[in-house]
Amino acid sequence: VIHVDFDLDQAHDCIAECANVLANDIFLHRWRDAFVSSAQRMVFEAHCRIHSSLDMNDVATRLGVSADEAEGWVVNLVRKGGIDARVDSDARQVLMNVRQVNVYEQVISKTRD
């Protein structure tokens, strides 16, 4: 859903549905929180690749938490190196650092493999 259609809303619906299935599964219920956390991170990283900036309130809504909790979650993700971004607390935004890859680097990376 997310890598083909880039439908982030449907991806969040799928996460909620999977969380419900995992919560009711006798064997997989203990990994529900880890699955949801990883899935939310994957969706957020895809969201960051699509947009150059994100509103913290939108991030909080998509994660289903308060804006302060969402800001802490994003700050931890940036610190761990999950995304290349910075958090503007005054404007309540996440700003992506876009790195332009020059043609030479693209050719080298394609021919190296």
PDB file of N, CA and C in Angstrom:
ATOM      1  N   VAL A   1       0.832  -1.192   0.000  1.00  0.00           N
ATOM      2  CA  VAL A   1       0.000   0.000   0.000  1.00  0.00           C
ATOM      3  C   VAL A   1       0.869   1.245   0.000  1.00  0.00           C
ATOM      4  N   ILE A   2       1.837   1.275   0.898  1.00  0.00           N
ATOM      5  CA  ILE A   2       2.602   2.505   1.055  1.00  0.00           C
ATOM      6  C   ILE A   2       3.663   2.668  -0.025  1.00  0.00           C
ATOM      7  N   HIS A   3       4.289   1.577  -0.465  1.00  0.00           N
ATOM      8  CA  HIS A   3       5.361   1.693  -1.442  1.00  0.00           C
ATOM      9  C   HIS A   3       4.862   1.708  -2.881  1.00  0.00           C
ATOM     10  N   VAL A   4       3.624   1.333  -3.097  1.00  0.00           N
ATOM     11  CA  VAL A   4       3.080   1.318  -4.452  1.00  0.00           C
ATOM     12  C   VAL A   4       2.181   2.532  -4.684  1.00  0.00           C
ATOM     13  N   ASP A   5       1.212   2.726  -3.804  1.00  0.00           N
ATOM     14  CA  ASP A   5       0.227   3.791  -3.989  1.00  0.00           C
ATOM     15  C   ASP A   5       0.544   5.060  -3.210  1.00  0.00           C
ATOM     16  N   PHE A   6       1.460   4.993  -2.260  1.00  0.00           N
ATOM     17  CA  PHE A   6       1.786   6.112  -1.368  1.00  0.00           C
ATOM     18  C   PHE A   6       0.526   6.621  -0.657  1.00  0.00           C
ATOM     19  N   ASP A   7      -0.352   5.705  -0.313  1.00  0.00           N
ATOM     20  CA  ASP A   7      -1.580   6.051   0.402  1.00  0.00           C
ATOM     21  C   ASP A   7      -1.315   5.911   1.898  1.00  0.00           C
ATOM     22  N   LEU A   8      -0.910   7.015   2.525  1.00  0.00           N
ATOM     23  CA  LEU A   8      -0.517   6.993   3.934  1.00  0.00           C
ATOM     24  C   LEU A   8      -1.709   6.778   4.858  1.00  0.00           C
ATOM     25  N   ASP A   9      -2.869   7.302   4.464  1.00  0.00           N
ATOM     26  CA  ASP A   9      -4.061   7.106   5.295  1.00  0.00           C
ATOM     27  C   ASP A   9      -4.464   5.636   5.335  1.00  0.00           C
ATOM     28  N   GLN A  10      -4.422   4.981   4.188  1.00  0.00           N
ATOM     29  CA  GLN A  10      -4.749   3.556   4.150  1.00  0.00           C
ATOM     30  C   GLN A  10      -3.705   2.745   4.912  1.00  0.00           C
ATOM     31  N   ALA A  11      -2.445   3.189   4.873  1.00  0.00           N
ATOM     32  CA  ALA A  11      -1.394   2.492   5.616  1.00  0.00           C
ATOM     33  C   ALA A  11      -1.674   2.561   7.111  1.00  0.00           C
ATOM     34  N   HIS A  12      -2.124   3.717   7.596  1.00  0.00           N
ATOM     35  CA  HIS A  12      -2.460   3.840   9.023  1.00  0.00           C
ATOM     36  C   HIS A  12      -3.664   2.976   9.382  1.00  0.00           C
ATOM     37  N   ASP A  13      -4.625   2.874   8.466  1.00  0.00           N
ATOM     38  CA  ASP A  13      -5.769   1.991   8.712  1.00  0.00           C
ATOM     39  C   ASP A  13      -5.320   0.533   8.780  1.00  0.00           C
ATOM     40  N   CYS A  14      -4.372   0.164   7.918  1.00  0.00           N
ATOM     41  CA  CYS A  14      -3.845  -1.207   7.928  1.00  0.00           C
ATOM     42  C   CYS A  14      -3.092  -1.500   9.220  1.00  0.00           C
ATOM     43  N   ILE A  15      -2.356  -0.502   9.729  1.00  0.00           N
ATOM     44  CA  ILE A  15      -1.642  -0.688  10.995  1.00  0.00           C
ATOM     45  C   ILE A  15      -2.632  -0.945  12.123  1.00  0.00           C
ATOM     46  N   ALA A  16      -3.706  -0.167  12.154  1.00  0.00           N
ATOM     47  CA  ALA A  16      -4.718  -0.353  13.199  1.00  0.00           C
ATOM     48  C   ALA A  16      -5.375  -1.725  13.084  1.00  0.00           C
ATOM     49  N   GLU A  17      -5.656  -2.150  11.867  1.00  0.00           N
ATOM     50  CA  GLU A  17      -6.267  -3.461  11.656  1.00  0.00           C
ATOM     51  C   GLU A  17      -5.315  -4.584  12.073  1.00  0.00           C
ATOM     52  N   CYS A  18      -4.045  -4.446  11.709  1.00  0.00           N
ATOM     53  CA  CYS A  18      -3.048  -5.454  12.099  1.00  0.00           C
ATOM     54  C   CYS A  18      -2.862  -5.495  13.608  1.00  0.00           C
ATOM     55  N   ALA A  19      -2.889  -4.327  14.250  1.00  0.00           N
ATOM     56  CA  ALA A  19      -2.755  -4.282  15.707  1.00  0.00           C
ATOM     57  C   ALA A  19      -3.904  -5.013  16.372  1.00  0.00           C
ATOM     58  N   ASN A  20      -5.095  -4.866  15.831  1.00  0.00           N
ATOM     59  CA  ASN A  20      -6.262  -5.565  16.378  1.00  0.00           C
ATOM     60  C   ASN A  20      -6.125  -7.075  16.192  1.00  0.00           C
ATOM     61  N   VAL A  21      -5.655  -7.500  15.027  1.00  0.00           N
ATOM     62  CA  VAL A  21      -5.471  -8.932  14.768  1.00  0.00           C
ATOM     63  C   VAL A  21      -4.401  -9.502  15.696  1.00  0.00           C
ATOM     64  N   LEU A  22      -3.283  -8.773  15.845  1.00  0.00           N
ATOM     65  CA  LEU A  22      -2.202  -9.253  16.708  1.00  0.00           C
ATOM     66  C   LEU A  22      -2.624  -9.311  18.173  1.00  0.00           C
ATOM     67  N   ALA A  23      -3.441  -8.359  18.597  1.00  0.00           N
ATOM     68  CA  ALA A  23      -3.903  -8.346  19.992  1.00  0.00           C
ATOM     69  C   ALA A  23      -4.759  -9.574  20.300  1.00  0.00           C
ATOM     70  N   ASN A  24      -5.456 -10.090  19.293  1.00  0.00           N
ATOM     71  CA  ASN A  24      -6.342 -11.232  19.498  1.00  0.00           C
ATOM     72  C   ASN A  24      -5.697 -12.572  19.154  1.00  0.00           C
ATOM     73  N   ASP A  25      -4.451 -12.552  18.704  1.00  0.00           N
ATOM     74  CA  ASP A  25      -3.757 -13.784  18.352  1.00  0.00           C
ATOM     75  C   ASP A  25      -3.011 -14.321  19.565  1.00  0.00           C
ATOM     76  N   ILE A  26      -3.198 -15.592  19.855  1.00  0.00           N
ATOM     77  CA  ILE A  26      -2.617 -16.185  21.054  1.00  0.00           C
ATOM     78  C   ILE A  26      -1.087 -16.275  20.980  1.00  0.00           C
ATOM     79  N   PHE A  27      -0.545 -16.418  19.781  1.00  0.00           N
ATOM     80  CA  PHE A  27       0.900 -16.563  19.642  1.00  0.00           C
ATOM     81  C   PHE A  27       1.612 -15.228  19.407  1.00  0.00           C
ATOM     82  N   LEU A  28       0.971 -14.291  18.757  1.00  0.00           N
ATOM     83  CA  LEU A  28       1.635 -13.058  18.332  1.00  0.00           C
ATOM     84  C   LEU A  28       1.320 -11.837  19.192  1.00  0.00           C
ATOM     85  N   HIS A  29       0.457 -11.973  20.177  1.00  0.00           N
ATOM     86  CA  HIS A  29       0.018 -10.794  20.938  1.00  0.00           C
ATOM     87  C   HIS A  29       1.168 -10.095  21.667  1.00  0.00           C
ATOM     88  N   ARG A  30       2.202 -10.823  22.039  1.00  0.00           N
ATOM     89  CA  ARG A  30       3.304 -10.178  22.773  1.00  0.00           C
ATOM     90  C   ARG A  30       4.170  -9.292  21.883  1.00  0.00           C
ATOM     91  N   TRP A  31       4.074  -9.451  20.558  1.00  0.00           N
ATOM     92  CA  TRP A  31       4.860  -8.622  19.638  1.00  0.00           C
ATOM     93  C   TRP A  31       4.037  -7.506  18.998  1.00  0.00           C
ATOM     94  N   ARG A  32       2.832  -7.303  19.487  1.00  0.00           N
ATOM     95  CA  ARG A  32       1.948  -6.281  18.938  1.00  0.00           C
ATOM     96  C   ARG A  32       2.568  -4.890  19.014  1.00  0.00           C
ATOM     97  N   ASP A  33       3.069  -4.501  20.186  1.00  0.00           N
ATOM     98  CA  ASP A  33       3.626  -3.155  20.356  1.00  0.00           C
ATOM     99  C   ASP A  33       4.857  -2.937  19.484  1.00  0.00           C
ATOM    100  N   ALA A  34       5.711  -3.941  19.379  1.00  0.00           N
ATOM    101  CA  ALA A  34       6.907  -3.821  18.536  1.00  0.00           C
ATOM    102  C   ALA A  34       6.509  -3.687  17.064  1.00  0.00           C
ATOM    103  N   PHE A  35       5.508  -4.455  16.658  1.00  0.00           N
ATOM    104  CA  PHE A  35       5.038  -4.379  15.270  1.00  0.00           C
ATOM    105  C   PHE A  35       4.469  -3.001  14.971  1.00  0.00           C
ATOM    106  N   VAL A  36       3.604  -2.500  15.847  1.00  0.00           N
ATOM    107  CA  VAL A  36       2.969  -1.195  15.629  1.00  0.00           C
ATOM    108  C   VAL A  36       4.025  -0.093  15.590  1.00  0.00           C
ATOM    109  N   SER A  37       4.980  -0.151  16.494  1.00  0.00           N
ATOM    110  CA  SER A  37       6.039   0.853  16.526  1.00  0.00           C
ATOM    111  C   SER A  37       6.864   0.838  15.237  1.00  0.00           C
ATOM    112  N   SER A  38       7.243  -0.336  14.791  1.00  0.00           N
ATOM    113  CA  SER A  38       8.024  -0.453  13.554  1.00  0.00           C
ATOM    114  C   SER A  38       7.218  -0.005  12.335  1.00  0.00           C
ATOM    115  N   ALA A  39       5.955  -0.363  12.303  1.00  0.00           N
ATOM    116  CA  ALA A  39       5.105   0.026  11.177  1.00  0.00           C
ATOM    117  C   ALA A  39       4.900   1.543  11.148  1.00  0.00           C
ATOM    118  N   GLN A  40       4.683   2.145  12.313  1.00  0.00           N
ATOM    119  CA  GLN A  40       4.529   3.597  12.362  1.00  0.00           C
ATOM    120  C   GLN A  40       5.808   4.301  11.912  1.00  0.00           C
ATOM    121  N   ARG A  41       6.943   3.762  12.303  1.00  0.00           N
ATOM    122  CA  ARG A  41       8.215   4.348  11.888  1.00  0.00           C
ATOM    123  C   ARG A  41       8.378   4.251  10.374  1.00  0.00           C
ATOM    124  N   MET A  42       8.039   3.111   9.797  1.00  0.00           N
ATOM    125  CA  MET A  42       8.152   2.937   8.359  1.00  0.00           C
ATOM    126  C   MET A  42       7.247   3.912   7.606  1.00  0.00           C
ATOM    127  N   VAL A  43       6.020   4.073   8.075  1.00  0.00           N
ATOM    128  CA  VAL A  43       5.078   5.003   7.439  1.00  0.00           C
ATOM    129  C   VAL A  43       5.581   6.439   7.586  1.00  0.00           C
ATOM    130  N   PHE A  44       6.102   6.772   8.763  1.00  0.00           N
ATOM    131  CA  PHE A  44       6.612   8.117   8.983  1.00  0.00           C
ATOM    132  C   PHE A  44       7.810   8.405   8.079  1.00  0.00           C
ATOM    133  N   GLU A  45       8.712   7.444   7.927  1.00  0.00           N
ATOM    134  CA  GLU A  45       9.863   7.629   7.046  1.00  0.00           C
ATOM    135  C   GLU A  45       9.429   7.803   5.602  1.00  0.00           C
ATOM    136  N   ALA A  46       8.411   7.074   5.164  1.00  0.00           N
ATOM    137  CA  ALA A  46       7.879   7.253   3.809  1.00  0.00           C
ATOM    138  C   ALA A  46       7.261   8.636   3.668  1.00  0.00           C
ATOM    139  N   HIS A  47       6.562   9.068   4.709  1.00  0.00           N
ATOM    140  CA  HIS A  47       5.958  10.403   4.717  1.00  0.00           C
ATOM    141  C   HIS A  47       7.047  11.463   4.598  1.00  0.00           C
ATOM    142  N   CYS A  48       8.162  11.260   5.268  1.00  0.00           N
ATOM    143  CA  CYS A  48       9.277  12.216   5.217  1.00  0.00           C
ATOM    144  C   CYS A  48       9.916  12.260   3.842  1.00  0.00           C
ATOM    145  N   ARG A  49       9.973  11.112   3.146  1.00  0.00           N
ATOM    146  CA  ARG A  49      10.553  11.101   1.809  1.00  0.00           C
ATOM    147  C   ARG A  49       9.671  11.836   0.807  1.00  0.00           C
ATOM    148  N   ILE A  50       8.377  11.873   1.063  1.00  0.00           N
ATOM    149  CA  ILE A  50       7.441  12.511   0.142  1.00  0.00           C
ATOM    150  C   ILE A  50       7.385  14.018   0.356  1.00  0.00           C
ATOM    151  N   HIS A  51       7.414  14.453   1.617  1.00  0.00           N
ATOM    152  CA  HIS A  51       7.225  15.869   1.949  1.00  0.00           C
ATOM    153  C   HIS A  51       8.527  16.490   2.449  1.00  0.00           C
ATOM    154  N   SER A  52       8.658  17.805   2.258  1.00  0.00           N
ATOM    155  CA  SER A  52       9.848  18.498   2.747  1.00  0.00           C
ATOM    156  C   SER A  52       9.670  19.014   4.167  1.00  0.00           C
ATOM    157  N   SER A  53       8.427  19.171   4.597  1.00  0.00           N
ATOM    158  CA  SER A  53       8.160  19.571   5.985  1.00  0.00           C
ATOM    159  C   SER A  53       6.825  18.979   6.416  1.00  0.00           C
ATOM    160  N   LEU A  54       6.726  18.732   7.718  1.00  0.00           N
ATOM    161  CA  LEU A  54       5.508  18.159   8.286  1.00  0.00           C
ATOM    162  C   LEU A  54       5.083  18.977   9.490  1.00  0.00           C
ATOM    163  N   ASP A  55       3.794  19.158   9.642  1.00  0.00           N
ATOM    164  CA  ASP A  55       3.255  19.832  10.807  1.00  0.00           C
ATOM    165  C   ASP A  55       3.201  18.836  11.964  1.00  0.00           C
ATOM    166  N   MET A  56       3.651  19.263  13.128  1.00  0.00           N
ATOM    167  CA  MET A  56       3.716  18.362  14.280  1.00  0.00           C
ATOM    168  C   MET A  56       2.316  17.894  14.696  1.00  0.00           C
ATOM    169  N   ASN A  57       1.307  18.736  14.524  1.00  0.00           N
ATOM    170  CA  ASN A  57      -0.060  18.320  14.864  1.00  0.00           C
ATOM    171  C   ASN A  57      -0.538  17.214  13.931  1.00  0.00           C
ATOM    172  N   ASP A  58      -0.141  17.282  12.652  1.00  0.00           N
ATOM    173  CA  ASP A  58      -0.496  16.228  11.706  1.00  0.00           C
ATOM    174  C   ASP A  58       0.199  14.918  12.073  1.00  0.00           C
ATOM    175  N   VAL A  59       1.466  15.020  12.463  1.00  0.00           N
ATOM    176  CA  VAL A  59       2.208  13.830  12.893  1.00  0.00           C
ATOM    177  C   VAL A  59       1.539  13.214  14.119  1.00  0.00           C
ATOM    178  N   ALA A  60       1.143  14.062  15.067  1.00  0.00           N
ATOM    179  CA  ALA A  60       0.482  13.572  16.282  1.00  0.00           C
ATOM    180  C   ALA A  60      -0.837  12.882  15.953  1.00  0.00           C
ATOM    181  N   THR A  61      -1.589  13.448  15.033  1.00  0.00           N
ATOM    182  CA  THR A  61      -2.859  12.844  14.635  1.00  0.00           C
ATOM    183  C   THR A  61      -2.638  11.486  13.987  1.00  0.00           C
ATOM    184  N   ARG A  62      -1.641  11.410  13.123  1.00  0.00           N
ATOM    185  CA  ARG A  62      -1.370  10.141  12.437  1.00  0.00           C
ATOM    186  C   ARG A  62      -0.856   9.072  13.398  1.00  0.00           C
ATOM    187  N   LEU A  63      -0.101   9.493  14.419  1.00  0.00           N
ATOM    188  CA  LEU A  63       0.414   8.526  15.400  1.00  0.00           C
ATOM    189  C   LEU A  63      -0.615   8.205  16.484  1.00  0.00           C
ATOM    190  N   GLY A  64      -1.619   9.052  16.614  1.00  0.00           N
ATOM    191  CA  GLY A  64      -2.636   8.830  17.640  1.00  0.00           C
ATOM    192  C   GLY A  64      -2.172   9.215  19.029  1.00  0.00           C
ATOM    193  N   VAL A  65      -1.294  10.237  19.113  1.00  0.00           N
ATOM    194  CA  VAL A  65      -0.780  10.704  20.402  1.00  0.00           C
ATOM    195  C   VAL A  65      -0.901  12.223  20.461  1.00  0.00           C
ATOM    196  N   SER A  66      -0.510  12.802  21.591  1.00  0.00           N
ATOM    197  CA  SER A  66      -0.538  14.261  21.715  1.00  0.00           C
ATOM    198  C   SER A  66       0.635  14.861  20.927  1.00  0.00           C
ATOM    199  N   ALA A  67       0.571  16.173  20.702  1.00  0.00           N
ATOM    200  CA  ALA A  67       1.623  16.848  19.932  1.00  0.00           C
ATOM    201  C   ALA A  67       2.967  16.787  20.654  1.00  0.00           C
ATOM    202  N   ASP A  68       2.953  16.884  21.977  1.00  0.00           N
ATOM    203  CA  ASP A  68       4.201  16.810  22.733  1.00  0.00           C
ATOM    204  C   ASP A  68       4.828  15.420  22.648  1.00  0.00           C
ATOM    205  N   GLU A  69       3.996  14.382  22.738  1.00  0.00           N
ATOM    206  CA  GLU A  69       4.504  13.018  22.606  1.00  0.00           C
ATOM    207  C   GLU A  69       5.038  12.774  21.199  1.00  0.00           C
ATOM    208  N   ALA A  70       4.361  13.320  20.191  1.00  0.00           N
ATOM    209  CA  ALA A  70       4.819  13.165  18.811  1.00  0.00           C
ATOM    210  C   ALA A  70       6.152  13.861  18.607  1.00  0.00           C
ATOM    211  N   GLU A  71       6.316  15.029  19.213  1.00  0.00           N
ATOM    212  CA  GLU A  71       7.582  15.747  19.087  1.00  0.00           C
ATOM    213  C   GLU A  71       8.722  14.945  19.720  1.00  0.00           C
ATOM    214  N   GLY A  72       8.468  14.370  20.887  1.00  0.00           N
ATOM    215  CA  GLY A  72       9.477  13.531  21.533  1.00  0.00           C
ATOM    216  C   GLY A  72       9.809  12.308  20.698  1.00  0.00           C
ATOM    217  N   TRP A  73       8.796  11.707  20.077  1.00  0.00           N
ATOM    218  CA  TRP A  73       8.999  10.526  19.233  1.00  0.00           C
ATOM    219  C   TRP A  73       9.861  10.888  18.029  1.00  0.00           C
ATOM    220  N   VAL A  74       9.571  12.031  17.401  1.00  0.00           N
ATOM    221  CA  VAL A  74      10.338  12.462  16.231  1.00  0.00           C
ATOM    222  C   VAL A  74      11.770  12.814  16.629  1.00  0.00           C
ATOM    223  N   VAL A  75      11.946  13.502  17.754  1.00  0.00           N
ATOM    224  CA  VAL A  75      13.289  13.855  18.221  1.00  0.00           C
ATOM    225  C   VAL A  75      14.110  12.600  18.466  1.00  0.00           C
ATOM    226  N   ASN A  76      13.526  11.587  19.087  1.00  0.00           N
ATOM    227  CA  ASN A  76      14.242  10.320  19.317  1.00  0.00           C
ATOM    228  C   ASN A  76      14.591   9.633  17.999  1.00  0.00           C
ATOM    229  N   LEU A  77      13.691   9.710  17.034  1.00  0.00           N
ATOM    230  CA  LEU A  77      13.944   9.104  15.733  1.00  0.00           C
ATOM    231  C   LEU A  77      15.087   9.820  15.015  1.00  0.00           C
ATOM    232  N   VAL A  78      15.135  11.142  15.121  1.00  0.00           N
ATOM    233  CA  VAL A  78      16.221  11.913  14.506  1.00  0.00           C
ATOM    234  C   VAL A  78      17.539  11.598  15.205  1.00  0.00           C
ATOM    235  N   ARG A  79      17.522  11.513  16.531  1.00  0.00           N
ATOM    236  CA  ARG A  79      18.750  11.212  17.286  1.00  0.00           C
ATOM    237  C   ARG A  79      19.305   9.840  16.959  1.00  0.00           C
ATOM    238  N   LYS A  80      18.420   8.875  16.752  1.00  0.00           N
ATOM    239  CA  LYS A  80      18.866   7.517  16.437  1.00  0.00           C
ATOM    240  C   LYS A  80      19.323   7.391  14.988  1.00  0.00           C
ATOM    241  N   GLY A  81      19.117   8.436  14.207  1.00  0.00           N
ATOM    242  CA  GLY A  81      19.556   8.410  12.819  1.00  0.00           C
ATOM    243  C   GLY A  81      18.553   7.810  11.868  1.00  0.00           C
ATOM    244  N   GLY A  82      17.316   7.693  12.284  1.00  0.00           N
ATOM    245  CA  GLY A  82      16.293   7.119  11.421  1.00  0.00           C
ATOM    246  C   GLY A  82      15.938   8.015  10.250  1.00  0.00           C
ATOM    247  N   ILE A  83      15.959   9.320  10.476  1.00  0.00           N
ATOM    248  CA  ILE A  83      15.664  10.272   9.413  1.00  0.00           C
ATOM    249  C   ILE A  83      16.644  11.429   9.494  1.00  0.00           C
ATOM    250  N   ASP A  84      16.854  12.072   8.375  1.00  0.00           N
ATOM    251  CA  ASP A  84      17.718  13.242   8.317  1.00  0.00           C
ATOM    252  C   ASP A  84      16.816  14.470   8.322  1.00  0.00           C
ATOM    253  N   ALA A  85      16.533  14.967   9.517  1.00  0.00           N
ATOM    254  CA  ALA A  85      15.604  16.082   9.657  1.00  0.00           C
ATOM    255  C   ALA A  85      15.954  16.875  10.898  1.00  0.00           C
ATOM    256  N   ARG A  86      15.268  17.987  11.053  1.00  0.00           N
ATOM    257  CA  ARG A  86      15.401  18.770  12.281  1.00  0.00           C
ATOM    258  C   ARG A  86      14.004  19.182  12.718  1.00  0.00           C
ATOM    259  N   VAL A  87      13.840  19.371  14.012  1.00  0.00           N
ATOM    260  CA  VAL A  87      12.548  19.729  14.577  1.00  0.00           C
ATOM    261  C   VAL A  87      12.575  21.202  14.948  1.00  0.00           C
ATOM    262  N   ASP A  88      11.638  21.962  14.408  1.00  0.00           N
ATOM    263  CA  ASP A  88      11.478  23.371  14.740  1.00  0.00           C
ATOM    264  C   ASP A  88      10.356  23.458  15.771  1.00  0.00           C
ATOM    265  N   SER A  89      10.736  23.567  17.049  1.00  0.00           N
ATOM    266  CA  SER A  89       9.749  23.561  18.132  1.00  0.00           C
ATOM    267  C   SER A  89       8.888  24.812  18.125  1.00  0.00           C
ATOM    268  N   ASP A  90       9.461  25.943  17.692  1.00  0.00           N
ATOM    269  CA  ASP A  90       8.685  27.182  17.674  1.00  0.00           C
ATOM    270  C   ASP A  90       7.568  27.128  16.633  1.00  0.00           C
ATOM    271  N   ALA A  91       7.895  26.650  15.437  1.00  0.00           N
ATOM    272  CA  ALA A  91       6.893  26.564  14.370  1.00  0.00           C
ATOM    273  C   ALA A  91       6.121  25.246  14.420  1.00  0.00           C
ATOM    274  N   ARG A  92       6.518  24.330  15.322  1.00  0.00           N
ATOM    275  CA  ARG A  92       5.877  23.016  15.466  1.00  0.00           C
ATOM    276  C   ARG A  92       5.895  22.258  14.138  1.00  0.00           C
ATOM    277  N   GLN A  93       7.113  22.181  13.542  1.00  0.00           N
ATOM    278  CA  GLN A  93       7.273  21.487  12.270  1.00  0.00           C
ATOM    279  C   GLN A  93       8.487  20.574  12.299  1.00  0.00           C
ATOM    280  N   VAL A  94       8.445  19.570  11.449  1.00  0.00           N
ATOM    281  CA  VAL A  94       9.591  18.710  11.186  1.00  0.00           C
ATOM    282  C   VAL A  94      10.070  19.084   9.792  1.00  0.00           C
ATOM    283  N   LEU A  95      11.318  19.528   9.687  1.00  0.00           N
ATOM    284  CA  LEU A  95      11.880  19.968   8.415  1.00  0.00           C
ATOM    285  C   LEU A  95      12.909  18.952   7.942  1.00  0.00           C
ATOM    286  N   MET A  96      12.693  18.387   6.758  1.00  0.00           N
ATOM    287  CA  MET A  96      13.594  17.386   6.209  1.00  0.00           C
ATOM    288  C   MET A  96      14.814  18.065   5.606  1.00  0.00           C
ATOM    289  N   ASN A  97      15.978  17.464   5.812  1.00  0.00           N
ATOM    290  CA  ASN A  97      17.210  17.911   5.172  1.00  0.00           C
ATOM    291  C   ASN A  97      17.342  17.139   3.873  1.00  0.00           C
ATOM    292  N   VAL A  98      17.150  17.827   2.775  1.00  0.00           N
ATOM    293  CA  VAL A  98      17.188  17.185   1.462  1.00  0.00           C
ATOM    294  C   VAL A  98      18.613  17.240   0.940  1.00  0.00           C
ATOM    295  N   ARG A  99      19.141  16.092   0.639  1.00  0.00           N
ATOM    296  CA  ARG A  99      20.497  15.997   0.104  1.00  0.00           C
ATOM    297  C   ARG A  99      20.396  15.698  -1.386  1.00  0.00           C
ATOM    298  N   GLN A 100      20.919  16.583  -2.189  1.00  0.00           N
ATOM    299  CA  GLN A 100      20.913  16.397  -3.632  1.00  0.00           C
ATOM    300  C   GLN A 100      22.110  15.539  -4.025  1.00  0.00           C
ATOM    301  N   VAL A 101      21.851  14.440  -4.691  1.00  0.00           N
ATOM    302  CA  VAL A 101      22.912  13.562  -5.150  1.00  0.00           C
ATOM    303  C   VAL A 101      23.278  13.981  -6.571  1.00  0.00           C
ATOM    304  N   ASN A 102      24.559  14.285  -6.777  1.00  0.00           N
ATOM    305  CA  ASN A 102      24.949  14.716  -8.121  1.00  0.00           C
ATOM    306  C   ASN A 102      25.016  13.513  -9.063  1.00  0.00           C
ATOM    307  N   VAL A 103      25.077  13.809 -10.338  1.00  0.00           N
ATOM    308  CA  VAL A 103      25.030  12.776 -11.365  1.00  0.00           C
ATOM    309  C   VAL A 103      26.215  11.814 -11.233  1.00  0.00           C
ATOM    310  N   TYR A 104      27.379  12.344 -10.921  1.00  0.00           N
ATOM    311  CA  TYR A 104      28.567  11.504 -10.782  1.00  0.00           C
ATOM    312  C   TYR A 104      28.352  10.440  -9.704  1.00  0.00           C
ATOM    313  N   GLU A 105      27.817  10.839  -8.545  1.00  0.00           N
ATOM    314  CA  GLU A 105      27.567   9.879  -7.461  1.00  0.00           C
ATOM    315  C   GLU A 105      26.522   8.847  -7.866  1.00  0.00           C
ATOM    316  N   GLN A 106      25.524   9.256  -8.627  1.00  0.00           N
ATOM    317  CA  GLN A 106      24.504   8.320  -9.083  1.00  0.00           C
ATOM    318  C   GLN A 106      25.102   7.269 -10.008  1.00  0.00           C
ATOM    319  N   VAL A 107      25.948   7.699 -10.941  1.00  0.00           N
ATOM    320  CA  VAL A 107      26.568   6.762 -11.867  1.00  0.00           C
ATOM    321  C   VAL A 107      27.478   5.795 -11.120  1.00  0.00           C
ATOM    322  N   ILE A 108      28.258   6.302 -10.191  1.00  0.00           N
ATOM    323  CA  ILE A 108      29.159   5.441  -9.419  1.00  0.00           C
ATOM    324  C   ILE A 108      28.376   4.422  -8.610  1.00  0.00           C
ATOM    325  N   SER A 109      27.301   4.849  -7.961  1.00  0.00           N
ATOM    326  CA  SER A 109      26.533   3.907  -7.135  1.00  0.00           C
ATOM    327  C   SER A 109      25.833   2.857  -7.987  1.00  0.00           C
ATOM    328  N   LYS A 110      25.400   3.222  -9.181  1.00  0.00           N
ATOM    329  CA  LYS A 110      24.727   2.259 -10.068  1.00  0.00           C
ATOM    330  C   LYS A 110      25.713   1.251 -10.651  1.00  0.00           C
ATOM    331  N   THR A 111      26.912   1.716 -10.997  1.00  0.00           N
ATOM    332  CA  THR A 111      27.871   0.825 -11.641  1.00  0.00           C
ATOM    333  C   THR A 111      28.674   0.015 -10.642  1.00  0.00           C
ATOM    334  N   ARG A 112      28.696   0.434  -9.385  1.00  0.00           N
ATOM    335  CA  ARG A 112      29.435  -0.283  -8.352  1.00  0.00           C
ATOM    336  C   ARG A 112      28.823  -1.649  -8.094  1.00  0.00           C
ATOM    337  N   ASP A 113      27.520  -1.742  -8.160  1.00  0.00           N
ATOM    338  CA  ASP A 113      26.835  -3.007  -7.855  1.00  0.00           C
ATOM    339  C   ASP A 113      26.776  -3.856  -9.043  1.00  0.00           C
TER     340      ASP A 113
END
